[in-house]
């Protein structure tokens, strides 16, 4: 299944350095928030029985 590319990665403000994603100075606040949220979500560890942190109950 292909992954959806986050919108901030399509911005001219986005800097794709390996291990150091960041935005250039002057990036819009909404873009900054999107990147911060994305990076924070990457730190979320999926536990067994969950998908993206959502518990999946067996039928």
Protein backbone atom coordinates (compact mmCIF):
# COMPACT_ATOMS: atom_id res chain seq x y z
CA UNK A 1 0.00 0.00 0.00
CA UNK A 2 1.52 3.37 -0.96
CA UNK A 3 2.02 5.91 1.77
CA UNK A 4 0.53 9.37 1.44
CA UNK A 5 3.19 12.05 1.20
CA UNK A 6 2.59 14.77 3.83
CA UNK A 7 1.80 18.20 2.40
CA UNK A 8 4.72 19.90 4.14
CA UNK A 9 7.16 17.78 2.07
CA UNK A 10 5.81 19.44 -1.10
CA UNK A 11 6.53 22.95 0.20
CA UNK A 12 9.49 25.02 -1.04
CA UNK A 13 10.23 25.70 2.67
CA UNK A 14 10.86 22.01 3.40
CA UNK A 15 14.47 20.85 3.75
CA UNK A 16 14.89 17.07 3.40
CA UNK A 17 18.19 16.36 5.12
CA UNK A 18 18.53 12.74 6.24
CA UNK A 19 17.72 12.63 9.96
CA UNK A 20 17.18 16.39 10.07
CA UNK A 21 13.90 17.36 8.43
CA UNK A 22 13.18 21.03 8.99
CA UNK A 23 11.67 24.11 7.43
CA UNK A 24 13.47 27.18 6.18
CA UNK A 25 12.95 30.44 8.07
CA UNK A 26 9.72 32.22 7.17
CA UNK A 27 7.65 29.05 6.72
CA UNK A 28 3.93 29.59 7.39
CA UNK A 29 2.73 28.71 10.90
CA UNK A 30 0.34 26.01 9.60
CA UNK A 31 3.25 24.31 7.82
CA UNK A 32 5.36 24.46 10.99
CA UNK A 33 2.52 22.90 13.00
CA UNK A 34 2.05 20.12 10.42
CA UNK A 35 5.77 19.22 10.53
CA UNK A 36 5.86 19.30 14.35
CA UNK A 37 2.80 17.05 14.56
CA UNK A 38 4.21 14.62 12.00
CA UNK A 39 7.57 14.34 13.78
CA UNK A 40 5.88 13.92 17.18
CA UNK A 41 3.65 11.16 15.78
CA UNK A 42 6.73 9.31 14.51
CA UNK A 43 7.81 8.90 18.13
CA UNK A 44 4.58 7.07 19.01
CA UNK A 45 5.34 3.39 19.44
CA UNK A 46 2.69 1.04 18.14
CA UNK A 47 1.73 -1.56 20.71
CA UNK A 48 0.59 -5.07 19.78
CA UNK A 49 -3.11 -4.98 18.90
CA UNK A 50 -3.00 -1.39 17.64
CA UNK A 51 -2.78 0.36 14.29
CA UNK A 52 -1.41 3.89 14.49
CA UNK A 53 -2.08 3.87 18.22
CA UNK A 54 -5.73 2.80 17.86
CA UNK A 55 -6.65 -0.39 19.70
CA UNK A 56 -8.15 -3.02 17.42
CA UNK A 57 -10.49 -5.40 19.22
CA UNK A 58 -10.87 -8.88 17.72
CA UNK A 59 -14.38 -9.84 16.63
